[in-house]
Amino acid sequence: MPILIPILQGLRLFDSLPADKLAEVSLMMNERRVERREVVIKRGETDAGLGFLIEGRLQTVNFTLDGREVGIDFIEDGDFFGELSVIDGQPAPEYIIAVAPSRLAFLDRDRARELMFSTPRGAAAVAERLAARMRRAASHRSLLALPSSFQRVCAQLSLLATRGKEGQVVIVMPPTHQEIAIMVNTSRETVTRTLQFLQGLKVLARDGNLLVVHQPDTLQQAADGKVAPAKG
């Protein structure tokens, strides 16, 4: 079935298109559902097209030369992905996997390029997406240079934190311990111990699907190495 127009209006790139153009695009796309840990795009794939996340969460993942999995970035509701291959025609540089049950839609490369570059709004959305990726990649490289696993976990949590509607600093849909571990090059057990330490200090607290950061300054100090568990 075609994607409903109200769904398209909630996706980046489509949010400023007129109704007649949305109706045309909706006929070109079909919804796809994937389960957690299912591969959405494989590294080296050349014909995936431009993907859109309607609902759920995805993660970009790659592997080091010695085969270790490295989590790079998350893709959230309403965002698009696969734009690099659409732009330059080269194979996908990384894997994209579902880290939650997700609803997706894809647009083939030729139609996607037309959509991305036919209007100033579309071109701006692509430029903003690429700029955001580059900024997060720079932050991730800096994070990986931190000397201890504890600092890297704290720095990653700090990067994931945002200010909610009520002024609280929160991490929405916090990644699993294993997902954090592959992002900061450490073990799941280290992530678990770090979170237990921070919760013991009341820096963090779980609240349903949120991780509430009650002491963001302390979390940053931990990332900076100024707060750390006692060595025993």
Protein backbone atom coordinates (compact mmCIF):
# COMPACT_ATOMS: atom_id res chain seq x y z
CA MET A 1 0.00 0.00 0.00
CA PRO A 2 1.20 3.57 -0.66
CA ILE A 3 2.41 5.61 2.30
CA LEU A 4 -0.36 7.82 3.67
CA ILE A 5 0.16 11.53 3.08
CA PRO A 6 -0.12 12.47 6.81
CA ILE A 7 2.78 10.07 7.48
CA LEU A 8 4.87 11.66 4.72
CA GLN A 9 4.22 15.10 6.15
CA GLY A 10 5.92 13.99 9.37
CA LEU A 11 9.16 13.03 7.58
CA ARG A 12 12.07 15.33 6.81
CA LEU A 13 12.29 16.27 3.11
CA PHE A 14 8.52 15.87 2.76
CA ASP A 15 7.34 18.34 5.39
CA SER A 16 7.28 21.32 2.98
CA LEU A 17 6.08 19.61 -0.20
CA PRO A 18 2.69 20.66 -1.65
CA ALA A 19 -0.19 18.18 -1.47
CA ASP A 20 -0.07 17.25 -5.17
CA LYS A 21 3.64 16.38 -4.96
CA LEU A 22 3.07 14.38 -1.76
CA ALA A 23 0.32 12.40 -3.48
CA GLU A 24 2.71 11.60 -6.33
CA VAL A 25 5.53 10.52 -3.98
CA SER A 26 3.19 8.38 -1.84
CA LEU A 27 2.52 6.13 -4.84
CA MET A 28 6.26 5.48 -5.27
CA MET A 29 6.87 4.19 -1.74
CA ASN A 30 5.82 1.19 0.30
CA GLU A 31 6.10 0.64 4.02
CA ARG A 32 8.46 -2.02 5.35
CA ARG A 33 8.58 -3.34 8.91
CA VAL A 34 11.76 -4.71 10.48
CA GLU A 35 12.48 -6.39 13.79
CA ARG A 36 15.20 -5.50 16.29
CA ARG A 37 18.74 -6.40 15.05
CA GLU A 38 17.53 -6.79 11.46
CA VAL A 39 19.87 -5.31 8.86
CA VAL A 40 18.23 -2.48 6.92
CA ILE A 41 21.17 -1.53 4.65
CA LYS A 42 24.34 -3.59 4.23
CA ARG A 43 27.76 -2.00 3.86
CA GLY A 44 28.69 -2.14 0.18
CA GLU A 45 25.07 -2.12 -1.01
CA THR A 46 24.60 0.08 -4.07
CA ASP A 47 20.87 0.22 -4.77
CA ALA A 48 19.19 0.77 -1.40
CA GLY A 49 17.94 4.24 -2.30
CA LEU A 50 16.94 6.83 0.28
CA GLY A 51 15.36 5.45 3.44
CA PHE A 52 12.94 7.13 5.84
CA LEU A 53 12.27 6.07 9.42
CA ILE A 54 8.56 6.36 10.16
CA GLU A 55 8.74 4.83 13.62
CA GLY A 56 11.38 3.05 15.73
CA ARG A 57 15.12 3.52 15.93
CA LEU A 58 18.08 2.57 13.75
CA GLN A 59 21.83 2.59 14.33
CA THR A 60 24.71 2.93 11.90
CA VAL A 61 27.35 0.28 12.58
CA ASN A 62 30.74 -0.60 11.14
CA PHE A 63 33.53 -3.04 11.95
CA THR A 64 37.19 -2.50 12.76
CA LEU A 65 39.93 -4.37 10.87
CA ASP A 66 40.03 -6.96 13.65
CA GLY A 67 36.28 -7.56 13.42
CA ARG A 68 35.03 -5.55 16.40
CA GLU A 69 31.59 -3.96 16.00
CA VAL A 70 31.54 -0.18 16.35
CA GLY A 71 28.28 1.73 16.80
CA ILE A 72 28.48 5.14 15.15
CA ASP A 73 25.19 7.03 15.22
CA PHE A 74 21.45 6.67 15.80
CA ILE A 75 18.66 7.46 13.36
CA GLU A 76 15.45 8.68 15.00
CA ASP A 77 11.79 8.94 13.99
CA GLY A 78 11.14 11.17 10.99
CA ASP A 79 14.73 11.18 9.75
CA PHE A 80 16.15 9.91 6.47
CA PHE A 81 19.23 7.80 5.81
CA GLY A 82 21.33 6.40 2.97
CA GLU A 83 21.82 9.89 1.56
CA LEU A 84 25.58 9.50 0.95
CA SER A 85 25.09 6.75 -1.63
CA VAL A 86 22.21 8.63 -3.21
CA ILE A 87 24.43 11.71 -3.62
CA ASP A 88 27.63 10.13 -4.96
CA GLY A 89 26.45 6.76 -6.30
CA GLN A 90 29.06 4.91 -4.25
CA PRO A 91 28.38 1.79 -2.12
CA ALA A 92 26.95 2.23 1.37
CA PRO A 93 29.86 2.96 3.75
CA GLU A 94 28.32 1.29 6.82
CA TYR A 95 25.61 -1.06 8.01
CA ILE A 96 22.30 0.28 9.22
CA ILE A 97 20.49 -1.99 11.67
CA ALA A 98 17.26 -1.74 13.64
CA VAL A 99 17.76 -1.41 17.39
CA ALA A 100 13.99 -1.44 17.94
CA PRO A 101 11.06 -2.75 15.89
CA SER A 102 10.75 -0.14 13.14
CA ARG A 103 8.64 1.05 10.23
CA LEU A 104 10.52 2.23 7.14
CA ALA A 105 9.95 3.48 3.63
CA PHE A 106 12.36 3.76 0.69
CA LEU A 107 12.56 5.92 -2.40
CA ASP A 108 14.74 4.82 -5.34
CA ARG A 109 17.95 6.76 -6.01
CA ASP A 110 16.85 8.72 -9.09
CA ARG A 111 13.60 9.93 -7.56
CA ALA A 112 15.39 10.62 -4.27
CA ARG A 113 18.02 12.80 -5.98
CA GLU A 114 15.27 14.74 -7.72
CA LEU A 115 13.47 15.26 -4.42
CA MET A 116 16.64 16.25 -2.58
CA PHE A 117 17.86 18.84 -5.06
CA SER A 118 14.79 20.13 -6.91
CA THR A 119 13.94 22.71 -4.22
CA PRO A 120 16.03 24.93 -1.93
CA ARG A 121 14.22 23.41 1.08
CA GLY A 122 15.18 19.89 0.05
CA ALA A 123 18.81 20.83 -0.55
CA ALA A 124 18.93 22.62 2.83
CA ALA A 125 17.53 19.55 4.62
CA VAL A 126 20.24 17.35 3.07
CA ALA A 127 22.97 19.86 3.94
CA GLU A 128 21.72 20.10 7.53
CA ARG A 129 21.63 16.29 7.83
CA LEU A 130 25.19 15.95 6.55
CA ALA A 131 26.41 18.76 8.83
CA ALA A 132 24.80 17.07 11.84
CA ARG A 133 26.47 13.77 10.92
CA MET A 134 29.87 15.44 10.64
CA ARG A 135 29.48 17.16 14.01
CA ARG A 136 28.48 13.92 15.72
CA ALA A 137 31.36 12.10 14.04
CA ALA A 138 33.80 14.73 15.33
CA SER A 139 32.37 14.39 18.86
CA HIS A 140 32.61 10.60 18.61
CA ARG A 141 36.29 10.75 17.59
CA SER A 142 37.03 13.02 20.55
CA LEU A 143 35.14 10.68 22.86
CA LEU A 144 37.14 7.64 21.74
CA ALA A 145 40.36 9.48 22.64
CA LEU A 146 39.40 9.65 26.33
CA PRO A 147 41.79 7.56 28.44
CA SER A 148 39.35 5.41 30.43
CA SER A 149 36.27 3.34 29.59
CA PHE A 150 34.44 5.00 32.48
CA GLN A 151 35.01 8.46 30.98
CA ARG A 152 33.95 7.30 27.52
CA VAL A 153 30.66 5.87 28.83
CA CYS A 154 29.93 9.09 30.74
CA ALA A 155 30.81 11.22 27.73
CA GLN A 156 28.52 9.16 25.50
CA LEU A 157 25.65 9.54 27.95
CA SER A 158 26.27 13.27 28.06
CA LEU A 159 26.15 13.46 24.25
CA LEU A 160 22.84 11.56 24.18
CA ALA A 161 21.21 13.81 26.78
CA THR A 162 18.76 16.51 25.69
CA ARG A 163 16.57 18.97 27.55
CA GLY A 164 12.95 17.82 27.65
CA LYS A 165 9.78 19.89 27.44
CA GLU A 166 9.60 20.31 31.21
CA GLY A 167 13.20 21.45 31.49
CA GLN A 168 14.57 18.10 32.64
CA VAL A 169 17.71 16.75 31.05
CA VAL A 170 16.82 13.30 29.72
CA ILE A 171 18.01 10.51 27.46
CA VAL A 172 15.00 9.37 25.44
CA MET A 173 14.89 5.66 24.58
CA PRO A 174 18.32 5.09 26.12
CA PRO A 175 20.46 2.57 24.25
CA THR A 176 21.02 -0.84 25.77
CA HIS A 177 24.23 -1.49 27.69
CA GLN A 178 25.56 -3.45 24.70
CA GLU A 179 24.73 -0.64 22.26
CA ILE A 180 26.59 1.85 24.43
CA ALA A 181 29.51 -0.57 24.74
CA ILE A 182 30.04 -0.84 20.98
CA MET A 183 29.84 2.94 20.64
CA VAL A 184 32.64 3.61 23.14
CA ASN A 185 34.83 0.55 22.58
CA THR A 186 34.35 -1.16 25.92
CA SER A 187 32.53 -4.14 27.42
CA ARG A 188 28.87 -4.39 28.38
CA GLU A 189 29.96 -5.15 31.97
CA THR A 190 31.87 -1.85 32.14
CA VAL A 191 28.79 0.04 30.96
CA THR A 192 26.67 -1.71 33.60
CA ARG A 193 29.14 -0.86 36.39
CA THR A 194 29.33 2.76 35.25
CA LEU A 195 25.56 3.16 35.19
CA GLN A 196 25.25 1.56 38.64
CA PHE A 197 27.86 4.00 39.98
CA LEU A 198 26.07 7.01 38.48
CA GLN A 199 22.69 5.83 39.76
CA GLY A 200 24.21 5.32 43.21
CA LEU A 201 25.30 8.98 43.18
CA LYS A 202 21.79 9.92 41.97
CA VAL A 203 23.28 11.44 38.84
CA LEU A 204 20.91 9.30 36.74
CA ALA A 205 17.56 7.63 37.36
CA ARG A 206 15.37 5.45 35.18
CA ASP A 207 11.84 6.72 34.53
CA GLY A 208 9.98 4.45 32.10
CA ASN A 209 11.50 4.93 28.64
CA LEU A 210 13.60 7.84 29.87
CA LEU A 211 16.91 8.06 31.64
CA VAL A 212 16.68 11.27 33.68
CA VAL A 213 19.96 13.12 34.23
CA HIS A 214 19.45 14.81 37.61
CA GLN A 215 23.02 16.11 37.76
CA PRO A 216 24.24 16.93 34.24
CA ASP A 217 27.22 18.88 35.60
CA THR A 218 28.37 15.85 37.60
CA LEU A 219 27.95 13.65 34.53
CA GLN A 220 30.18 16.02 32.55
CA GLN A 221 32.72 16.07 35.39
CA ALA A 222 32.80 12.27 35.25
CA ALA A 223 33.45 12.45 31.51
CA ASP A 224 36.26 14.91 32.22
CA GLY A 225 37.83 12.55 34.78
CA LYS A 226 37.03 14.73 37.80
CA VAL A 227 34.58 12.19 39.27
CA ALA A 228 35.37 8.46 39.25
CA PRO A 229 34.71 5.29 41.25
CA ALA A 230 37.20 4.54 43.99
CA LYS A 231 39.83 2.04 42.91
CA GLY A 232 39.60 -1.16 44.88
